[in-house]
Protein backbone atom coordinates (compact mmCIF):
# COMPACT_ATOMS: atom_id res chain seq x y z
CA MET A 1 -149.05 4.07 17.37
CA SER A 2 -151.85 2.67 19.47
CA GLU A 3 -154.33 4.44 21.26
CA THR A 4 -153.42 3.60 24.56
CA GLN A 5 -149.56 4.54 23.71
CA SER A 6 -151.20 7.80 22.72
CA ASN A 7 -152.74 7.83 26.10
CA ARG A 8 -149.76 6.61 27.82
CA ARG A 9 -147.49 9.96 26.33
CA ASN A 10 -150.24 12.09 27.07
CA PHE A 11 -150.10 11.26 30.32
CA MET A 12 -146.94 11.44 31.47
CA LYS A 13 -146.85 14.97 29.67
CA ALA A 14 -149.36 15.71 31.62
CA SER A 15 -147.52 14.27 35.06
CA ALA A 16 -144.23 15.98 34.36
CA THR A 17 -145.39 19.10 35.55
CA SER A 18 -146.33 18.17 39.00
CA ALA A 19 -144.18 15.68 39.66
CA ALA A 20 -141.09 18.66 39.72
CA GLY A 21 -143.28 20.24 41.96
CA ALA A 22 -141.94 23.49 43.28
CA ALA A 23 -138.28 22.90 42.09
CA PHE A 24 -139.42 22.88 38.69
CA LEU A 25 -141.89 26.14 38.97
CA ALA A 26 -138.86 28.20 41.07
CA GLN A 27 -136.87 27.95 38.11
CA ALA A 28 -136.14 30.95 36.52
CA PHE A 29 -138.71 31.62 33.13
CA ASN A 30 -138.71 34.32 30.53
CA ALA A 31 -142.25 35.16 30.15
CA SER A 32 -144.46 37.92 29.94
CA HIS A 33 -146.06 38.12 33.43
CA VAL A 34 -149.95 38.03 33.85
CA TYR A 35 -149.82 39.24 37.53
CA ALA A 36 -146.53 41.45 38.47
CA ALA A 37 -145.79 38.94 41.46
CA GLY A 38 -146.83 40.05 44.56
CA ASP A 39 -147.94 43.58 42.74
CA GLU A 40 -151.84 42.30 41.42
CA THR A 41 -154.14 41.21 43.55
CA ILE A 42 -155.62 37.51 42.38
CA LYS A 43 -159.28 37.52 42.80
CA VAL A 44 -160.62 33.80 43.77
CA GLY A 45 -163.83 32.23 44.00
CA LEU A 46 -165.06 29.86 46.42
CA VAL A 47 -167.58 27.08 44.83
CA GLY A 48 -168.21 24.70 47.82
CA CYS A 49 -168.04 25.80 51.04
CA GLY A 50 -167.28 22.56 53.18
CA GLY A 51 -164.31 21.34 55.14
CA ARG A 52 -162.12 20.80 52.18
CA GLY A 53 -163.23 24.37 50.27
CA SER A 54 -162.35 26.30 53.52
CA GLY A 55 -158.87 24.56 53.59
CA ALA A 56 -158.22 25.57 49.90
CA ALA A 57 -159.40 29.04 50.00
CA SER A 58 -157.42 29.73 53.16
CA GLN A 59 -154.02 27.99 51.38
CA ALA A 60 -154.46 29.99 48.55
CA LEU A 61 -155.13 33.16 50.92
CA LYS A 62 -151.89 32.61 52.02
CA THR A 63 -149.68 32.26 48.73
CA ALA A 64 -146.99 34.78 48.12
CA GLY A 65 -148.59 37.99 46.71
CA LYS A 66 -151.93 39.58 47.22
CA VAL A 67 -154.78 37.50 46.72
CA GLU A 68 -158.36 38.24 47.83
CA LEU A 69 -161.42 35.80 48.47
CA HIS A 70 -163.90 37.62 46.26
CA ALA A 71 -166.78 35.81 46.35
CA MET A 72 -167.99 32.45 47.67
CA GLY A 73 -170.84 30.07 46.71
CA ASP A 74 -172.31 26.67 48.15
CA MET A 75 -176.11 25.04 47.68
CA PHE A 76 -176.41 25.67 51.37
CA GLY A 77 -176.57 29.07 53.14
CA ASP A 78 -175.58 27.88 56.25
CA GLN A 79 -172.58 26.27 55.07
CA LEU A 80 -171.75 29.51 53.10
CA GLU A 81 -171.87 31.33 56.74
CA GLN A 82 -169.42 29.06 58.83
CA SER A 83 -166.78 28.66 55.96
CA LEU A 84 -166.79 32.22 55.73
CA LYS A 85 -166.03 32.03 59.58
CA ARG A 86 -163.65 29.66 59.31
CA ILE A 87 -161.63 31.14 56.39
CA GLU A 88 -161.56 34.98 58.08
CA ALA A 89 -160.47 33.25 61.00
CA SER A 90 -157.27 31.58 59.28
CA VAL A 91 -155.83 34.65 57.93
CA SER A 92 -156.71 37.22 60.58
CA GLY A 93 -153.88 39.59 60.99
CA SER A 94 -152.32 38.86 57.42
CA GLU A 95 -151.06 41.67 55.07
CA THR A 96 -151.41 40.73 51.97
CA ALA A 97 -154.48 38.03 52.37
CA LYS A 98 -158.03 39.84 51.83
CA VAL A 99 -161.52 38.61 52.50
CA ASN A 100 -164.13 40.55 50.83
CA VAL A 101 -167.64 38.81 50.34
CA PRO A 102 -170.05 41.06 50.78
CA GLU A 103 -173.68 39.47 51.01
CA GLU A 104 -174.30 40.30 47.33
CA ARG A 105 -171.19 37.66 46.17
CA ARG A 106 -172.48 35.10 48.82
CA PHE A 107 -174.50 32.85 46.35
CA THR A 108 -176.28 29.70 46.82
CA GLY A 109 -178.12 26.96 45.42
CA PHE A 110 -177.34 24.61 42.07
CA ASP A 111 -176.65 27.89 39.81
CA ALA A 112 -174.67 29.80 42.57
CA TYR A 113 -170.74 28.00 40.55
CA LYS A 114 -172.10 30.44 37.72
CA GLN A 115 -172.59 33.18 40.22
CA VAL A 116 -169.13 32.91 41.27
CA ILE A 117 -167.45 32.28 38.29
CA GLU A 118 -169.61 35.60 36.99
CA SER A 119 -168.72 37.95 39.98
CA GLY A 120 -165.02 39.29 38.64
CA VAL A 121 -162.68 36.66 39.71
CA ASP A 122 -159.20 35.43 38.66
CA LEU A 123 -159.17 31.97 39.95
CA VAL A 124 -162.08 29.61 40.58
CA ILE A 125 -161.58 26.92 43.50
CA LEU A 126 -164.29 23.73 43.15
CA ALA A 127 -164.51 21.92 46.04
CA THR A 128 -168.29 20.55 45.92
CA PRO A 129 -169.33 16.81 45.93
CA PRO A 130 -167.18 15.68 42.82
CA GLY A 131 -170.05 14.48 40.81
CA PHE A 132 -170.29 18.17 40.58
CA ARG A 133 -167.04 18.83 38.98
CA PRO A 134 -167.17 18.31 35.53
CA ILE A 135 -169.68 20.82 34.90
CA HIS A 136 -167.80 23.33 37.16
CA PHE A 137 -164.97 22.60 35.43
CA GLU A 138 -166.49 23.50 31.93
CA ALA A 139 -168.17 26.21 32.61
CA ALA A 140 -165.08 27.94 34.56
CA VAL A 141 -162.65 27.14 31.74
CA ASN A 142 -165.17 28.24 28.99
CA ALA A 143 -165.58 31.56 30.77
CA GLY A 144 -161.22 31.91 31.05
CA LYS A 145 -160.67 31.64 34.29
CA HIS A 146 -157.92 29.52 36.13
CA VAL A 147 -158.85 26.59 38.44
CA PHE A 148 -158.29 24.64 41.38
CA MET A 149 -160.11 21.80 41.57
CA GLU A 150 -160.29 19.42 44.58
CA LYS A 151 -160.05 15.41 43.36
CA PRO A 152 -161.93 13.39 42.26
CA VAL A 153 -163.07 15.26 39.26
CA ALA A 154 -165.75 12.88 38.66
CA THR A 155 -167.85 10.21 39.43
CA ASP A 156 -168.56 8.65 36.33
CA ALA A 157 -166.83 8.21 32.60
CA ALA A 158 -169.31 10.99 30.89
CA GLY A 159 -167.92 13.30 33.73
CA VAL A 160 -164.10 11.97 32.99
CA ASN A 161 -164.67 12.55 29.19
CA GLN A 162 -165.99 16.21 29.90
CA VAL A 163 -163.09 17.13 31.86
CA LEU A 164 -160.83 15.54 29.40
CA ALA A 165 -162.92 17.75 26.64
CA ALA A 166 -162.73 21.14 28.95
CA ALA A 167 -159.03 20.57 29.52
CA ARG A 168 -158.23 20.58 26.29
CA LYS A 169 -159.55 24.16 25.80
CA ALA A 170 -158.21 25.05 28.96
CA LYS A 171 -154.56 24.14 27.14
CA GLU A 172 -155.93 26.14 24.30
CA LYS A 173 -156.73 29.36 26.49
CA ASN A 174 -153.23 29.20 28.18
CA LEU A 175 -155.47 28.55 31.82
CA LYS A 176 -153.74 27.16 35.06
CA ILE A 177 -155.01 24.02 36.07
CA GLY A 178 -154.49 22.60 39.36
CA VAL A 179 -155.94 19.10 41.11
CA GLY A 180 -156.16 18.23 44.46
CA LEU A 181 -153.69 15.44 44.44
CA GLN A 182 -151.39 17.22 46.35
CA ARG A 183 -148.35 14.02 46.94
CA HIS A 184 -147.35 15.50 43.63
CA HIS A 185 -146.36 18.43 45.58
CA GLN A 186 -144.91 16.91 48.62
CA ALA A 187 -140.95 16.58 48.72
CA THR A 188 -140.83 13.14 50.03
CA TYR A 189 -143.41 11.89 47.60
CA ARG A 190 -141.18 13.70 44.93
CA ASP A 191 -138.21 12.35 45.93
CA ILE A 192 -138.74 8.55 46.12
CA VAL A 193 -140.83 8.38 43.25
CA LYS A 194 -138.16 10.20 40.83
CA ARG A 195 -135.76 7.43 42.28
CA ILE A 196 -137.76 4.88 41.39
CA GLN A 197 -138.16 6.30 37.80
CA ASP A 198 -134.62 6.65 37.49
CA GLY A 199 -134.51 2.65 38.00
CA GLU A 200 -133.08 2.38 41.53
CA ILE A 201 -135.05 -0.40 42.63
CA GLY A 202 -134.68 -1.47 38.72
CA ASP A 203 -137.57 -2.51 36.36
CA VAL A 204 -141.35 -2.05 38.43
CA ILE A 205 -143.01 -5.37 38.34
CA ALA A 206 -145.87 -5.01 40.90
CA MET A 207 -147.12 -1.71 43.55
CA ARG A 208 -149.62 -2.09 46.22
CA VAL A 209 -151.33 0.95 47.76
CA TYR A 210 -154.10 0.80 50.40
CA TRP A 211 -156.39 3.25 52.29
CA ASN A 212 -157.60 1.02 55.08
CA GLY A 213 -159.41 2.86 58.12
CA GLY A 214 -162.45 2.89 59.95
CA GLY A 215 -164.41 5.17 57.81
CA VAL A 216 -165.41 8.79 57.54
CA TRP A 217 -168.25 11.16 58.79
CA ASP A 218 -171.80 9.50 59.45
CA PRO A 219 -174.63 11.00 57.78
CA ARG A 220 -174.98 14.51 59.25
CA LYS A 221 -179.07 15.71 58.66
CA ASN A 222 -182.01 12.89 59.62
CA ARG A 223 -185.01 12.78 57.01
CA GLU A 224 -187.11 14.76 59.55
CA GLU A 225 -184.50 17.69 59.04
CA VAL A 226 -184.46 18.12 55.10
CA ALA A 227 -187.41 19.16 52.88
CA THR A 228 -186.62 16.78 49.59
CA GLU A 229 -185.02 13.22 48.72
CA MET A 230 -182.37 15.80 46.78
CA GLU A 231 -181.64 17.62 49.87
CA TYR A 232 -181.11 14.48 51.92
CA GLN A 233 -178.71 13.02 49.79
CA LEU A 234 -176.85 16.79 49.36
CA ARG A 235 -176.29 16.97 53.05
CA ASN A 236 -174.94 13.27 53.19
CA TRP A 237 -173.15 13.38 49.92
CA TYR A 238 -170.46 10.99 50.68
CA TYR A 239 -172.71 7.83 50.61
CA TYR A 240 -174.29 8.67 46.87
CA ASN A 241 -172.23 7.68 44.02
CA TRP A 242 -173.53 10.28 41.57
CA LEU A 243 -172.46 12.38 43.98
CA CYS A 244 -169.23 10.68 45.60
CA GLY A 245 -168.48 7.75 43.50
CA ASP A 246 -167.93 5.41 46.81
CA HIS A 247 -164.67 6.33 48.90
CA ILE A 248 -162.27 3.74 46.19
CA CYS A 249 -163.20 7.10 44.11
CA GLU A 250 -163.10 10.07 46.64
CA GLN A 251 -160.48 8.43 49.06
CA HIS A 252 -158.54 5.73 47.83
CA ILE A 253 -158.09 7.74 44.08
CA HIS A 254 -154.82 9.46 46.01
CA ASN A 255 -153.25 5.88 46.46
CA ILE A 256 -154.02 4.63 43.11
CA ASP A 257 -153.07 8.07 41.89
CA VAL A 258 -149.56 7.65 43.04
CA GLY A 259 -149.10 4.18 41.25
CA ASN A 260 -149.96 6.01 38.43
CA TRP A 261 -147.77 8.45 38.63
CA ILE A 262 -144.67 6.24 38.86
CA LYS A 263 -145.69 3.87 36.17
CA GLY A 264 -146.02 7.20 33.86
CA ALA A 265 -149.37 5.54 32.98
CA TYR A 266 -152.99 4.21 33.70
CA PRO A 267 -154.41 0.84 33.95
CA VAL A 268 -156.11 -0.59 30.91
CA ARG A 269 -158.08 -3.21 32.82
CA ALA A 270 -159.33 -3.96 36.47
CA GLU A 271 -160.65 -7.04 38.16
CA GLY A 272 -161.93 -6.89 41.90
CA MET A 273 -164.40 -7.68 44.67
CA GLY A 274 -166.14 -5.70 47.12
CA GLY A 275 -169.25 -5.06 49.31
CA ARG A 276 -170.72 -4.20 52.70
CA GLU A 277 -169.97 -6.14 55.36
CA VAL A 278 -170.59 -3.97 58.62
CA ARG A 279 -171.54 -0.09 57.17
CA LYS A 280 -175.33 -2.02 56.18
CA ASP A 281 -177.66 0.65 57.83
CA LYS A 282 -179.82 2.41 55.25
CA LYS A 283 -178.26 5.57 56.08
CA TYR A 284 -174.85 4.61 54.44
CA GLY A 285 -176.68 4.99 51.09
CA GLU A 286 -175.64 2.50 48.29
CA ILE A 287 -171.64 2.91 48.46
CA TYR A 288 -169.66 -0.41 49.95
CA ASP A 289 -167.29 -0.72 53.03
CA HIS A 290 -164.46 -2.45 51.29
CA HIS A 291 -162.96 -2.85 47.68
CA ALA A 292 -159.74 -4.99 46.88
CA VAL A 293 -159.08 -4.41 42.86
CA GLU A 294 -156.03 -5.77 40.72
CA PHE A 295 -154.80 -3.58 38.26
CA THR A 296 -153.07 -4.01 34.85
CA TYR A 297 -151.11 -1.48 33.25
CA GLU A 298 -150.26 -2.06 29.34
CA ASP A 299 -146.75 -3.66 30.19
CA GLY A 300 -148.43 -6.33 32.09
CA SER A 301 -147.49 -5.12 35.65
CA LYS A 302 -150.07 -4.95 38.01
CA MET A 303 -151.23 -2.59 41.16
CA PHE A 304 -153.12 -4.36 43.78
CA SER A 305 -155.43 -2.06 45.77
CA GLN A 306 -157.62 -1.96 48.81
CA CYS A 307 -159.48 0.34 50.29
CA ARG A 308 -161.45 -0.69 53.61
CA HIS A 309 -164.14 1.81 56.04
CA ILE A 310 -164.71 -1.40 58.59
CA PRO A 311 -163.28 0.25 62.33
CA ASN A 312 -161.18 -2.63 64.55
CA CYS A 313 -158.93 -3.95 61.64
CA TRP A 314 -155.72 -3.23 60.39
CA ASN A 315 -155.02 -0.01 58.99
CA SER A 316 -153.03 1.44 56.45
CA VAL A 317 -152.92 4.55 54.36
CA SER A 318 -149.57 3.60 52.34
CA GLU A 319 -148.24 2.77 48.40
CA TRP A 320 -145.31 0.09 47.95
CA ALA A 321 -143.75 -0.01 44.53
CA HIS A 322 -141.96 -3.69 44.09
CA GLY A 323 -138.86 -3.94 41.23
CA SER A 324 -136.17 -6.19 40.38
CA LYS A 325 -133.80 -5.63 42.38
CA GLY A 326 -135.90 -3.97 45.59
CA HIS A 327 -138.71 -2.51 46.52
CA ALA A 328 -139.68 0.79 47.79
CA ASN A 329 -141.97 2.19 50.76
CA VAL A 330 -143.23 4.79 48.64
CA SER A 331 -145.17 6.51 51.57
CA GLY A 332 -142.72 6.19 53.97
CA ALA A 333 -140.07 7.71 51.29
CA SER A 334 -136.92 4.83 51.64
CA TYR A 335 -136.23 1.55 49.37
CA GLU A 336 -134.57 -1.75 50.47
CA LEU A 337 -132.59 -3.64 47.80
CA ALA A 338 -131.56 -7.18 47.70
CA ASN A 339 -128.04 -6.80 48.11
CA GLY A 340 -128.57 -5.09 51.40
CA GLU A 341 -128.23 -1.29 50.17
CA ASN A 342 -131.10 0.84 51.46
CA TYR A 343 -132.18 4.36 51.31
CA ARG A 344 -134.46 7.09 53.16
CA TYR A 345 -135.03 10.10 52.47
CA ARG A 346 -133.86 12.89 55.39
CA GLY A 347 -134.64 16.18 53.19
CA GLN A 348 -136.76 18.87 54.29
CA LYS A 349 -140.58 17.95 54.67
CA ASP A 350 -143.30 20.51 53.71
CA ASP A 351 -147.38 20.81 54.01
CA PRO A 352 -148.00 19.90 50.43
CA TYR A 353 -151.91 21.24 50.59
CA GLN A 354 -149.99 24.68 50.96
CA VAL A 355 -147.59 23.81 48.48
CA GLU A 356 -149.58 23.00 45.68
CA HIS A 357 -150.99 26.24 46.29
CA ASP A 358 -147.99 27.81 45.90
CA ASP A 359 -147.00 26.61 42.89
CA LEU A 360 -150.45 27.45 41.09
CA PHE A 361 -150.53 30.78 42.29
CA HIS A 362 -146.62 30.63 41.25
CA ALA A 363 -147.33 29.72 37.90
CA ILE A 364 -150.37 32.22 37.17
CA ARG A 365 -148.08 35.70 38.47
CA ASN A 366 -145.15 33.99 36.30
CA ASN A 367 -147.31 32.88 33.26
CA ILE A 368 -145.71 28.87 33.09
CA SER A 369 -147.76 26.61 31.63
CA TYR A 370 -149.15 24.69 34.38
CA ASP A 371 -152.00 21.69 33.79
CA GLU A 372 -152.97 18.91 36.29
CA SER A 373 -156.39 18.52 34.76
CA GLU A 374 -155.89 15.37 32.00
CA TYR A 375 -153.56 12.94 34.86
CA GLY A 376 -156.26 14.45 37.59
CA ALA A 377 -158.81 13.44 34.85
CA MET A 378 -157.47 9.73 34.09
CA SER A 379 -156.62 8.73 37.97
CA THR A 380 -160.21 9.37 38.41
CA ALA A 381 -161.16 6.93 35.77
CA SER A 382 -158.83 4.43 37.32
CA SER A 383 -160.65 4.57 40.52
CA ILE A 384 -164.37 4.61 38.85
CA LEU A 385 -162.56 1.64 36.74
CA GLY A 386 -161.73 -0.12 39.89
CA ARG A 387 -165.57 1.07 41.39
CA ALA A 388 -166.93 -0.85 38.22
CA SER A 389 -164.66 -4.51 38.66
CA THR A 390 -165.70 -4.50 42.31
CA TYR A 391 -169.78 -3.90 41.79
CA SER A 392 -170.03 -6.28 38.78
CA GLY A 393 -167.23 -8.84 39.33
CA LYS A 394 -166.40 -8.60 36.29
CA PRO A 395 -163.04 -7.30 34.17
CA VAL A 396 -163.87 -4.18 32.78
CA THR A 397 -161.17 -2.05 30.39
CA MET A 398 -160.48 1.39 30.57
CA LYS A 399 -161.25 1.79 26.60
CA ASP A 400 -164.58 0.01 26.73
CA MET A 401 -165.62 1.92 29.75
CA LEU A 402 -164.45 5.35 28.81
CA ALA A 403 -165.97 4.13 25.39
CA SER A 404 -169.45 3.80 26.80
CA ASN A 405 -169.80 7.55 28.48
CA PHE A 406 -171.95 6.24 30.98
CA SER A 407 -173.39 8.57 33.23
CA ILE A 408 -174.96 8.40 36.78
CA MET A 409 -175.88 12.05 37.12
CA PRO A 410 -179.81 13.40 37.27
CA LYS A 411 -181.46 14.19 34.82
CA GLU A 412 -182.37 17.73 36.55
CA TYR A 413 -181.37 19.86 38.95
CA SER A 414 -183.59 21.00 41.38
CA MET A 415 -184.49 20.64 45.29
CA THR A 416 -187.47 19.20 44.04
CA ALA A 417 -186.08 16.63 41.38
CA ASN A 418 -185.22 12.71 41.89
CA PRO A 419 -182.01 11.98 42.24
CA PRO A 420 -180.35 9.46 40.32
CA VAL A 421 -181.21 6.42 43.14
CA LEU A 422 -183.86 6.38 45.12
CA PRO A 423 -184.74 4.38 48.41
CA ASN A 424 -187.71 2.34 48.40
CA ALA A 425 -190.92 2.28 51.13
CA ASP A 426 -188.34 1.19 53.91
CA GLY A 427 -185.70 3.79 53.04
CA VAL A 428 -183.49 1.16 51.52
CA TYR A 429 -181.43 2.00 48.81
CA PRO A 430 -180.31 -0.44 45.95
CA VAL A 431 -176.73 -1.80 46.57
CA ALA A 432 -174.84 -3.15 43.39
CA VAL A 433 -174.59 -6.76 43.69
CA PRO A 434 -171.28 -8.52 42.09
CA GLY A 435 -172.29 -10.92 39.18
CA VAL A 436 -175.63 -8.94 38.71
CA HIS A 437 -174.53 -5.63 38.66
CA LYS A 438 -173.36 -4.47 35.34
CA PRO A 439 -170.06 -2.19 35.21
CA TYR A 440 -171.86 0.61 33.29
């Protein structure tokens, strides 16, 4: 069996649990219960107190059974305090959700994650900027904690490999791992992906995936408001690759992941192009504002990917699959066949952000095998592969990229240390030039 075939088999196994979603987890399971359903409190620690971390903590507290937010950690105290208020308000009046985070369990700084993990929690939510995810995930697994981690799970090849190694340890320890690729828990997606995999549109020949929009938040802090370059980049993390991975990784991973899910595999090669057409101001750091990538799978099928952060253009956040019998609007949960037959999902809809936590906590309470870390890591790797191809303008293979184990992370973590990328005397950051920039 080739290395690629072996990886594909492992990917398909890792995808199976999530693809089944809540329906799978609701099946009767004869196993010892680590938490008697609803009777014992699951203590949660939150690492990363931004909007997504606050939302994830609130959703965890709304799962069935008793749940307590026990500890919180963030780089910055002001962000932690704002998050705590939002979470408390979101579960006000609940009989099963408890927010119990006294000052002695509110931690700040680069080591806050360690203190949260050591505070007596059962599960850790990891929602910092994604560059830190491999370090935090490895520490949580080593400490024997269940984990929910937001996507993407890394920003470079070294981080992906670190997550994959920690995932193997998590499996040995029977830890339950969720990853914030919530489409796997969305009824519409689960239905249409299963139909595609069952051959209802024939053999999948090509896919198109998009996250084209006007962009995200502008940098939140000016240089005059911070003490160091490290703090400036941390406060404005979306615009620096070591923290964010560029928007092809931080945001477009959702759509790329759907393509991988449909194929039960991941790309083996990528060619792409991209650049900065509109978002050129130095405040936007080093990331591109558009990427277009042609991904190739081992069977020769293609996934054509676009993501764009440019206002007043055609927008789409969607996925499409083209088969030998017809095509599917995956995000629209429908398909049309060449013979005129068509299908549209008309069943119950749900909130996938809540369901992904419902499923994870159900697995914890009933000791059901649950591990989304491997497909989360490989969809992250696919996104990084795309970035490597657009930055370099050259073909890049998954095998070579992962084998390179390249890292873009800092050598030292402190507020006075230099980040991996620095501005020139005019405050302008270096931006990758295709044809000049190396893939890794």
